[in-house]
Amino acid sequence: MNNTPQRSALAKVINFDAWSEAEQLSFMASSGQLILDAAVNRLLLSLGESDIAKLELYLDTHGETTDVLSYLSQTYPQFDELITEEVVAFQAEAERIVSARV
């Protein structure tokens, strides 16, 4: 069985493998942040005021000292699904935009 991950259609369309390592890392960091922001925004829309306040308190007191993704996944079971949906949506939209320009 081949354990090599299959490249996404987006990676092929934008010729990702031809980019420098710095460009790849920058793109992945920016893309990851967009996806995370979208998932967190959707999570916030699904929470009540009390839960939002608890989440804000957690983020204020723990900030970047902990694995926020792990916390969100453990505390809010729907968060993993939101991340997955946002990854799929990001790839589809990026492919649509890039393909339209080719």
Protein backbone atom coordinates (compact mmCIF):
# COMPACT_ATOMS: atom_id res chain seq x y z
CA MET A 1 0.00 0.00 0.00
CA ASN A 2 1.26 3.46 -0.87
CA ASN A 3 1.56 5.67 2.23
CA THR A 4 2.41 8.81 0.28
CA PRO A 5 -0.37 11.36 0.71
CA GLN A 6 -2.10 12.26 -2.51
CA ARG A 7 -1.59 15.87 -3.54
CA SER A 8 -4.74 17.93 -3.60
CA ALA A 9 -6.05 19.28 -6.85
CA LEU A 10 -5.24 22.74 -5.52
CA ALA A 11 -1.56 21.85 -5.05
CA LYS A 12 -1.44 20.63 -8.62
CA VAL A 13 -3.24 23.67 -10.04
CA ILE A 14 -0.96 26.18 -8.29
CA ASN A 15 2.18 24.06 -8.89
CA PHE A 16 2.84 24.06 -5.16
CA ASP A 17 5.82 21.69 -5.41
CA ALA A 18 7.71 24.24 -7.50
CA TRP A 19 7.53 26.86 -4.75
CA SER A 20 10.40 27.43 -2.37
CA GLU A 21 10.13 25.96 1.11
CA ALA A 22 9.62 29.44 2.56
CA GLU A 23 6.77 30.14 0.12
CA GLN A 24 5.15 26.79 0.92
CA LEU A 25 5.38 27.38 4.67
CA SER A 26 4.00 30.90 4.34
CA PHE A 27 1.09 29.69 2.21
CA MET A 28 0.30 26.86 4.62
CA ALA A 29 0.45 29.16 7.65
CA SER A 30 -1.81 31.75 6.02
CA SER A 31 -4.23 29.10 4.75
CA GLY A 32 -4.30 27.39 8.11
CA GLN A 33 -5.07 30.65 9.87
CA LEU A 34 -7.92 31.41 7.45
CA ILE A 35 -9.39 27.96 8.02
CA LEU A 36 -9.02 28.21 11.79
CA ASP A 37 -10.59 31.67 11.87
CA ALA A 38 -13.56 30.50 9.80
CA ALA A 39 -14.10 27.43 12.01
CA VAL A 40 -13.85 29.46 15.23
CA ASN A 41 -16.30 32.04 13.87
CA ARG A 42 -18.77 29.29 13.04
CA LEU A 43 -18.27 27.77 16.49
CA LEU A 44 -18.94 31.14 18.11
CA LEU A 45 -22.18 31.48 16.16
CA SER A 46 -23.35 28.18 17.62
CA LEU A 47 -22.56 29.05 21.25
CA GLY A 48 -24.62 30.87 23.83
CA GLU A 49 -23.35 33.91 25.69
CA SER A 50 -22.23 31.86 28.67
CA ASP A 51 -20.19 29.47 26.52
CA ILE A 52 -18.67 32.37 24.60
CA ALA A 53 -17.62 33.99 27.87
CA LYS A 54 -16.02 30.71 29.03
CA LEU A 55 -14.13 30.38 25.77
CA GLU A 56 -12.94 33.99 25.90
CA LEU A 57 -11.77 33.50 29.49
CA TYR A 58 -9.87 30.35 28.49
CA LEU A 59 -8.20 32.10 25.57
CA ASP A 60 -7.36 35.16 27.66
CA THR A 61 -5.79 33.12 30.45
CA HIS A 62 -4.06 30.47 28.35
CA GLY A 63 -3.42 32.32 25.12
CA GLU A 64 -0.57 30.80 23.20
CA THR A 65 0.77 28.72 26.07
CA THR A 66 -1.44 25.75 25.28
CA ASP A 67 -2.66 23.77 22.32
CA VAL A 68 -5.83 25.73 21.57
CA LEU A 69 -6.86 23.34 18.78
CA SER A 70 -6.76 20.41 21.18
CA TYR A 71 -8.79 22.36 23.73
CA LEU A 72 -11.40 23.35 21.15
CA SER A 73 -11.69 19.76 19.87
CA GLN A 74 -12.05 18.32 23.36
CA THR A 75 -14.43 20.97 24.66
CA TYR A 76 -16.59 21.41 21.57
CA PRO A 77 -17.12 18.08 19.78
CA GLN A 78 -18.48 19.83 16.68
CA PHE A 79 -15.23 21.75 16.20
CA ASP A 80 -13.42 18.94 14.34
CA GLU A 81 -16.27 18.76 11.84
CA LEU A 82 -16.19 22.53 11.40
CA ILE A 83 -12.45 22.39 10.65
CA THR A 84 -12.99 19.61 8.10
CA GLU A 85 -15.79 21.53 6.41
CA GLU A 86 -13.69 24.68 6.26
CA VAL A 87 -10.72 22.80 4.73
CA VAL A 88 -12.98 21.39 2.02
CA ALA A 89 -14.56 24.80 1.40
CA PHE A 90 -11.14 26.50 1.24
CA GLN A 91 -9.80 24.00 -1.26
CA ALA A 92 -12.91 24.20 -3.44
CA GLU A 93 -12.95 27.99 -3.48
CA ALA A 94 -9.22 28.27 -4.13
CA GLU A 95 -9.44 25.74 -6.97
CA ARG A 96 -12.40 27.64 -8.44
CA ILE A 97 -10.53 30.95 -8.33
CA VAL A 98 -7.26 29.59 -9.69
CA SER A 99 -8.95 27.53 -12.42
CA ALA A 100 -10.91 30.56 -13.60
CA ARG A 101 -7.64 32.43 -14.15
CA VAL A 102 -5.88 29.66 -16.04
